[in-house]
């Protein structure tokens, strides 16, 4: 079995880079997106096992991304972790 694929969708560069670095060091194949829209396109082409996404992003937030992926044929089995800095 190959490396598990994880997609990080986060518009804040520092946060995205920090998460990606830790996961790469742990041996995961990591893909990065700066927006929900680009995250959807990357998920469509890479078929990740897990998506880690910020909730609040311009154009398409994390909740919208989850809904769009869940409604697609390729996204039904993807696991999600949603991040937020809001209390």
C-alpha atoms as a PDB file:
ATOM      1  CA  UNK A   1       0.000   0.000   0.000  1.00  0.00           C
ATOM      2  CA  UNK A   2       1.268   3.496  -0.864  1.00  0.00           C
ATOM      3  CA  UNK A   3       1.474   6.538   1.315  1.00  0.00           C
ATOM      4  CA  UNK A   4      -1.804   7.930   2.546  1.00  0.00           C
ATOM      5  CA  UNK A   5      -2.685  11.173   0.757  1.00  0.00           C
ATOM      6  CA  UNK A   6      -3.673  14.225   2.780  1.00  0.00           C
ATOM      7  CA  UNK A   7      -4.930  17.494   1.336  1.00  0.00           C
ATOM      8  CA  UNK A   8      -4.549  20.637   3.440  1.00  0.00           C
ATOM      9  CA  UNK A   9      -6.879  23.487   2.487  1.00  0.00           C
ATOM     10  CA  UNK A  10      -5.888  26.618   4.392  1.00  0.00           C
ATOM     11  CA  UNK A  11      -5.656  30.212   3.195  1.00  0.00           C
ATOM     12  CA  UNK A  12      -3.116  31.204   5.874  1.00  0.00           C
ATOM     13  CA  UNK A  13       0.335  30.338   4.512  1.00  0.00           C
ATOM     14  CA  UNK A  14       2.077  29.864   7.868  1.00  0.00           C
ATOM     15  CA  UNK A  15      -0.577  27.507   9.224  1.00  0.00           C
ATOM     16  CA  UNK A  16      -0.741  25.503   6.001  1.00  0.00           C
ATOM     17  CA  UNK A  17       3.053  25.171   5.805  1.00  0.00           C
ATOM     18  CA  UNK A  18       3.347  24.129   9.449  1.00  0.00           C
ATOM     19  CA  UNK A  19       0.696  21.400   9.113  1.00  0.00           C
ATOM     20  CA  UNK A  20       2.144  20.180   5.804  1.00  0.00           C
ATOM     21  CA  UNK A  21       5.668  20.002   7.188  1.00  0.00           C
ATOM     22  CA  UNK A  22       4.642  17.880  10.165  1.00  0.00           C
ATOM     23  CA  UNK A  23       2.634  15.491   8.006  1.00  0.00           C
ATOM     24  CA  UNK A  24       5.396  15.146   5.403  1.00  0.00           C
ATOM     25  CA  UNK A  25       7.886  14.379   8.185  1.00  0.00           C
ATOM     26  CA  UNK A  26       5.485  11.685   9.419  1.00  0.00           C
ATOM     27  CA  UNK A  27       5.586  10.043   5.981  1.00  0.00           C
ATOM     28  CA  UNK A  28       2.324  11.197   4.407  1.00  0.00           C
ATOM     29  CA  UNK A  29       1.931  12.356   0.827  1.00  0.00           C
ATOM     30  CA  UNK A  30       0.714  15.934   1.253  1.00  0.00           C
ATOM     31  CA  UNK A  31      -1.059  18.272  -1.157  1.00  0.00           C
ATOM     32  CA  UNK A  32      -1.758  21.916  -0.393  1.00  0.00           C
ATOM     33  CA  UNK A  33      -4.448  24.368  -1.469  1.00  0.00           C
ATOM     34  CA  UNK A  34      -4.908  28.046  -0.597  1.00  0.00           C
ATOM     35  CA  UNK A  35      -8.683  28.093  -1.162  1.00  0.00           C
ATOM     36  CA  UNK A  36     -11.724  25.859  -1.124  1.00  0.00           C
ATOM     37  CA  UNK A  37     -12.043  26.091  -4.898  1.00  0.00           C
ATOM     38  CA  UNK A  38      -8.454  25.006  -5.538  1.00  0.00           C
ATOM     39  CA  UNK A  39      -8.849  22.388  -2.810  1.00  0.00           C
ATOM     40  CA  UNK A  40     -11.805  20.904  -4.678  1.00  0.00           C
ATOM     41  CA  UNK A  41      -9.823  20.753  -7.933  1.00  0.00           C
ATOM     42  CA  UNK A  42      -6.844  19.133  -6.201  1.00  0.00           C
ATOM     43  CA  UNK A  43      -9.091  16.627  -4.400  1.00  0.00           C
ATOM     44  CA  UNK A  44     -10.682  15.729  -7.707  1.00  0.00           C
ATOM     45  CA  UNK A  45      -7.330  14.964  -9.310  1.00  0.00           C
ATOM     46  CA  UNK A  46      -5.512  13.359  -6.348  1.00  0.00           C
ATOM     47  CA  UNK A  47      -8.347  11.550  -4.503  1.00  0.00           C
ATOM     48  CA  UNK A  48      -6.975  12.164  -0.982  1.00  0.00           C
ATOM     49  CA  UNK A  49      -7.701   9.883   1.964  1.00  0.00           C
ATOM     50  CA  UNK A  50      -8.103  12.879   4.279  1.00  0.00           C
ATOM     51  CA  UNK A  51      -8.837  16.589   3.847  1.00  0.00           C
ATOM     52  CA  UNK A  52      -7.831  19.020   6.586  1.00  0.00           C
ATOM     53  CA  UNK A  53      -9.579  22.319   5.931  1.00  0.00           C
ATOM     54  CA  UNK A  54     -10.045  25.702   7.515  1.00  0.00           C
ATOM     55  CA  UNK A  55     -13.700  26.668   8.040  1.00  0.00           C
ATOM     56  CA  UNK A  56     -13.443  30.344   7.100  1.00  0.00           C
ATOM     57  CA  UNK A  57     -11.972  31.097   3.683  1.00  0.00           C
ATOM     58  CA  UNK A  58     -12.981  33.501   0.916  1.00  0.00           C
ATOM     59  CA  UNK A  59     -15.229  32.170  -1.867  1.00  0.00           C
ATOM     60  CA  UNK A  60     -15.645  28.617  -0.526  1.00  0.00           C
ATOM     61  CA  UNK A  61     -15.197  27.802   3.153  1.00  0.00           C
ATOM     62  CA  UNK A  62     -14.463  24.416   4.678  1.00  0.00           C
ATOM     63  CA  UNK A  63     -18.102  23.500   5.293  1.00  0.00           C
ATOM     64  CA  UNK A  64     -18.980  24.261   1.674  1.00  0.00           C
ATOM     65  CA  UNK A  65     -15.990  22.223   0.506  1.00  0.00           C
ATOM     66  CA  UNK A  66     -17.101  19.222   2.554  1.00  0.00           C
ATOM     67  CA  UNK A  67     -20.623  19.467   1.144  1.00  0.00           C
ATOM     68  CA  UNK A  68     -19.358  19.770  -2.451  1.00  0.00           C
ATOM     69  CA  UNK A  69     -16.992  16.815  -2.043  1.00  0.00           C
ATOM     70  CA  UNK A  70     -19.633  14.670  -0.304  1.00  0.00           C
ATOM     71  CA  UNK A  71     -21.982  15.301  -3.239  1.00  0.00           C
ATOM     72  CA  UNK A  72     -19.376  14.193  -5.778  1.00  0.00           C
ATOM     73  CA  UNK A  73     -18.819  10.599  -6.800  1.00  0.00           C
ATOM     74  CA  UNK A  74     -15.097  10.732  -5.948  1.00  0.00           C
ATOM     75  CA  UNK A  75     -15.481  12.455  -2.577  1.00  0.00           C
ATOM     76  CA  UNK A  76     -17.944  10.211  -0.763  1.00  0.00           C
ATOM     77  CA  UNK A  77     -15.285   8.234   1.136  1.00  0.00           C
ATOM     78  CA  UNK A  78     -12.913  11.083   2.006  1.00  0.00           C
ATOM     79  CA  UNK A  79     -12.395  11.746   5.727  1.00  0.00           C
ATOM     80  CA  UNK A  80     -12.386  15.362   6.941  1.00  0.00           C
ATOM     81  CA  UNK A  81     -10.895  17.391   9.751  1.00  0.00           C
ATOM     82  CA  UNK A  82     -12.218  20.954   9.937  1.00  0.00           C
ATOM     83  CA  UNK A  83     -10.126  23.635  11.655  1.00  0.00           C
ATOM     84  CA  UNK A  84     -11.218  26.947  13.083  1.00  0.00           C
ATOM     85  CA  UNK A  85      -9.677  29.641  15.227  1.00  0.00           C
ATOM     86  CA  UNK A  86     -13.124  30.934  16.228  1.00  0.00           C
ATOM     87  CA  UNK A  87     -14.394  30.142  19.709  1.00  0.00           C
END
